[in-house]
C-alpha atoms as a PDB file:
ATOM      1  CA  MET A   1     159.506 127.375  -3.137  1.00  0.00           C
ATOM      2  CA  ASN A   2     158.142 129.199  -6.160  1.00  0.00           C
ATOM      3  CA  ALA A   3     160.397 131.114  -8.573  1.00  0.00           C
ATOM      4  CA  ARG A   4     159.361 134.586  -7.336  1.00  0.00           C
ATOM      5  CA  THR A   5     159.982 133.743  -3.679  1.00  0.00           C
ATOM      6  CA  LYS A   6     163.380 132.286  -4.549  1.00  0.00           C
ATOM      7  CA  ALA A   7     164.339 135.356  -6.620  1.00  0.00           C
ATOM      8  CA  LEU A   8     163.406 137.809  -3.852  1.00  0.00           C
ATOM      9  CA  ARG A   9     165.139 136.101  -0.939  1.00  0.00           C
ATOM     10  CA  ILE A  10     168.734 137.060  -0.152  1.00  0.00           C
ATOM     11  CA  PRO A  11     171.102 134.084  -0.505  1.00  0.00           C
ATOM     12  CA  ARG A  12     174.005 133.712   1.918  1.00  0.00           C
ATOM     13  CA  HIS A  13     176.615 134.512  -0.766  1.00  0.00           C
ATOM     14  CA  VAL A  14     174.844 137.829  -1.499  1.00  0.00           C
ATOM     15  CA  LYS A  15     174.707 138.738   2.211  1.00  0.00           C
ATOM     16  CA  GLU A  16     178.424 137.962   2.495  1.00  0.00           C
ATOM     17  CA  ALA A  17     179.312 140.036  -0.587  1.00  0.00           C
ATOM     18  CA  VAL A  18     177.183 142.988   0.587  1.00  0.00           C
ATOM     19  CA  ALA A  19     178.657 142.794   4.104  1.00  0.00           C
ATOM     20  CA  GLU A  20     182.143 142.963   2.591  1.00  0.00           C
ATOM     21  CA  ARG A  21     181.187 145.811   0.231  1.00  0.00           C
ATOM     22  CA  ASP A  22     179.666 147.817   3.095  1.00  0.00           C
ATOM     23  CA  SER A  23     182.478 147.152   5.591  1.00  0.00           C
ATOM     24  CA  PHE A  24     184.852 149.543   7.276  1.00  0.00           C
ATOM     25  CA  ASP A  25     187.895 148.049   9.010  1.00  0.00           C
ATOM     26  CA  GLY A  26     186.404 144.590   8.487  1.00  0.00           C
ATOM     27  CA  TRP A  27     183.027 145.341  10.111  1.00  0.00           C
ATOM     28  CA  PRO A  28     179.789 145.678   8.158  1.00  0.00           C
ATOM     29  CA  CYS A  29     178.505 149.203   8.779  1.00  0.00           C
ATOM     30  CA  CYS A  30     175.207 150.926   8.168  1.00  0.00           C
ATOM     31  CA  VAL A  31     175.507 152.801   4.878  1.00  0.00           C
ATOM     32  CA  LEU A  32     173.340 155.615   6.263  1.00  0.00           C
ATOM     33  CA  CYS A  33     174.677 156.374   9.743  1.00  0.00           C
ATOM     34  CA  GLY A  34     177.964 154.432   9.707  1.00  0.00           C
ATOM     35  CA  SER A  35     177.305 152.452  12.870  1.00  0.00           C
ATOM     36  CA  PRO A  36     179.082 149.080  12.944  1.00  0.00           C
ATOM     37  CA  GLY A  37     177.160 145.847  13.175  1.00  0.00           C
ATOM     38  CA  GLY A  38     174.613 146.582  10.484  1.00  0.00           C
ATOM     39  CA  LEU A  39     172.944 143.700   8.693  1.00  0.00           C
ATOM     40  CA  PRO A  40     173.145 143.233   4.906  1.00  0.00           C
ATOM     41  CA  GLU A  41     169.457 142.509   4.455  1.00  0.00           C
ATOM     42  CA  ALA A  42     167.661 145.700   3.417  1.00  0.00           C
ATOM     43  CA  HIS A  43     166.103 145.665  -0.064  1.00  0.00           C
ATOM     44  CA  TYR A  44     166.366 149.017  -1.898  1.00  0.00           C
ATOM     45  CA  ILE A  45     163.370 147.968  -4.015  1.00  0.00           C
ATOM     46  CA  PRO A  46     161.174 146.203  -1.428  1.00  0.00           C
ATOM     47  CA  ARG A  47     160.275 142.554  -1.800  1.00  0.00           C
ATOM     48  CA  SER A  48     156.616 143.601  -1.797  1.00  0.00           C
ATOM     49  CA  GLN A  49     157.340 145.400  -5.081  1.00  0.00           C
ATOM     50  CA  GLY A  50     159.343 142.511  -6.554  1.00  0.00           C
ATOM     51  CA  GLY A  51     162.789 143.638  -5.373  1.00  0.00           C
ATOM     52  CA  LEU A  52     165.364 140.955  -6.151  1.00  0.00           C
ATOM     53  CA  GLY A  53     167.763 139.532  -3.574  1.00  0.00           C
ATOM     54  CA  ILE A  54     170.853 140.568  -5.543  1.00  0.00           C
ATOM     55  CA  GLU A  55     173.863 142.643  -4.489  1.00  0.00           C
ATOM     56  CA  GLU A  56     172.750 145.680  -6.485  1.00  0.00           C
ATOM     57  CA  ASN A  57     169.463 145.790  -4.521  1.00  0.00           C
ATOM     58  CA  ILE A  58     170.696 145.015  -0.992  1.00  0.00           C
ATOM     59  CA  VAL A  59     172.327 147.395   1.487  1.00  0.00           C
ATOM     60  CA  THR A  60     173.615 147.105   5.027  1.00  0.00           C
ATOM     61  CA  LEU A  61     171.546 149.065   7.543  1.00  0.00           C
ATOM     62  CA  CYS A  62     171.504 149.105  11.324  1.00  0.00           C
ATOM     63  CA  ARG A  63     168.176 148.201  12.916  1.00  0.00           C
ATOM     64  CA  PRO A  64     167.036 151.821  13.552  1.00  0.00           C
ATOM     65  CA  CYS A  65     167.857 152.926   9.986  1.00  0.00           C
ATOM     66  CA  HIS A  66     166.262 149.765   8.540  1.00  0.00           C
ATOM     67  CA  HIS A  67     163.125 150.497  10.564  1.00  0.00           C
ATOM     68  CA  ASP A  68     163.090 154.114   9.369  1.00  0.00           C
ATOM     69  CA  PHE A  69     163.520 152.977   5.762  1.00  0.00           C
ATOM     70  CA  ASP A  70     160.900 150.214   5.834  1.00  0.00           C
ATOM     71  CA  GLN A  71     158.353 151.315   8.400  1.00  0.00           C
ATOM     72  CA  SER A  72     158.240 155.081   8.645  1.00  0.00           C
ATOM     73  CA  ASP A  73     157.493 158.141   6.581  1.00  0.00           C
ATOM     74  CA  LYS A  74     161.256 158.684   6.109  1.00  0.00           C
ATOM     75  CA  ARG A  75     161.498 156.311   3.119  1.00  0.00           C
ATOM     76  CA  ALA A  76     161.181 159.145   0.587  1.00  0.00           C
ATOM     77  CA  GLU A  77     164.010 161.001   2.350  1.00  0.00           C
ATOM     78  CA  ILE A  78     166.280 157.931   2.611  1.00  0.00           C
ATOM     79  CA  ASN A  79     165.666 156.505  -0.866  1.00  0.00           C
ATOM     80  CA  PRO A  80     167.819 159.057  -2.772  1.00  0.00           C
ATOM     81  CA  GLN A  81     170.727 158.460  -0.357  1.00  0.00           C
ATOM     82  CA  LEU A  82     170.619 154.707  -0.970  1.00  0.00           C
ATOM     83  CA  ARG A  83     170.217 155.206  -4.729  1.00  0.00           C
ATOM     84  CA  GLN A  84     173.319 157.422  -4.801  1.00  0.00           C
ATOM     85  CA  TYR A  85     175.271 154.903  -2.697  1.00  0.00           C
ATOM     86  CA  LEU A  86     174.382 151.982  -4.971  1.00  0.00           C
ATOM     87  CA  GLN A  87     175.074 153.989  -8.138  1.00  0.00           C
ATOM     88  CA  GLY A  88     178.516 154.769  -6.733  1.00  0.00           C
ATOM     89  CA  LYS A  89     179.228 151.064  -6.219  1.00  0.00           C
ATOM     90  CA  TYR A  90     177.822 149.855  -9.558  1.00  0.00           C
ATOM     91  CA  PRO A  91     178.434 152.252 -12.484  1.00  0.00           C
ATOM     92  CA  ASP A  92     175.844 150.493 -14.681  1.00  0.00           C
ATOM     93  CA  TRP A  93     173.276 150.305 -11.853  1.00  0.00           C
ATOM     94  CA  ASP A  94     169.707 150.471 -13.135  1.00  0.00           C
ATOM     95  CA  GLU A  95     166.585 150.290 -10.949  1.00  0.00           C
ATOM     96  CA  SER A  96     164.655 148.467 -13.664  1.00  0.00           C
ATOM     97  CA  LYS A  97     167.068 145.518 -13.368  1.00  0.00           C
ATOM     98  CA  LEU A  98     166.281 145.112  -9.660  1.00  0.00           C
ATOM     99  CA  ILE A  99     162.670 143.985 -10.093  1.00  0.00           C
ATOM    100  CA  TYR A 100     161.476 140.414 -10.553  1.00  0.00           C
ATOM    101  CA  ARG A 101     160.108 139.748 -14.013  1.00  0.00           C
ATOM    102  CA  ARG A 102     158.111 136.600 -14.540  1.00  0.00           C
ATOM    103  CA  PRO A 103     160.016 134.256 -16.897  1.00  0.00           C
END
């Protein structure tokens, strides 16, 4: 596996930490609609744009919201909501730190 591929994938420990961060009453919930059972695998900065598989770039979304975010024209509408959510969780959050940079 090359370095870029490894940096962009989401390791198990990151998925577990994000699931805990985005949980309500012990259940991972979609950070957009609040439905339980969301999956901590949505990249705020997409992998196609070099988005790292780190906690600060991953959010829990249910399948419909993940689809809307990744595969519809709603991305521009959803992006500010996710940015605000992540900024609230990480006071020093910075989009520029979420992108893979070749070593």
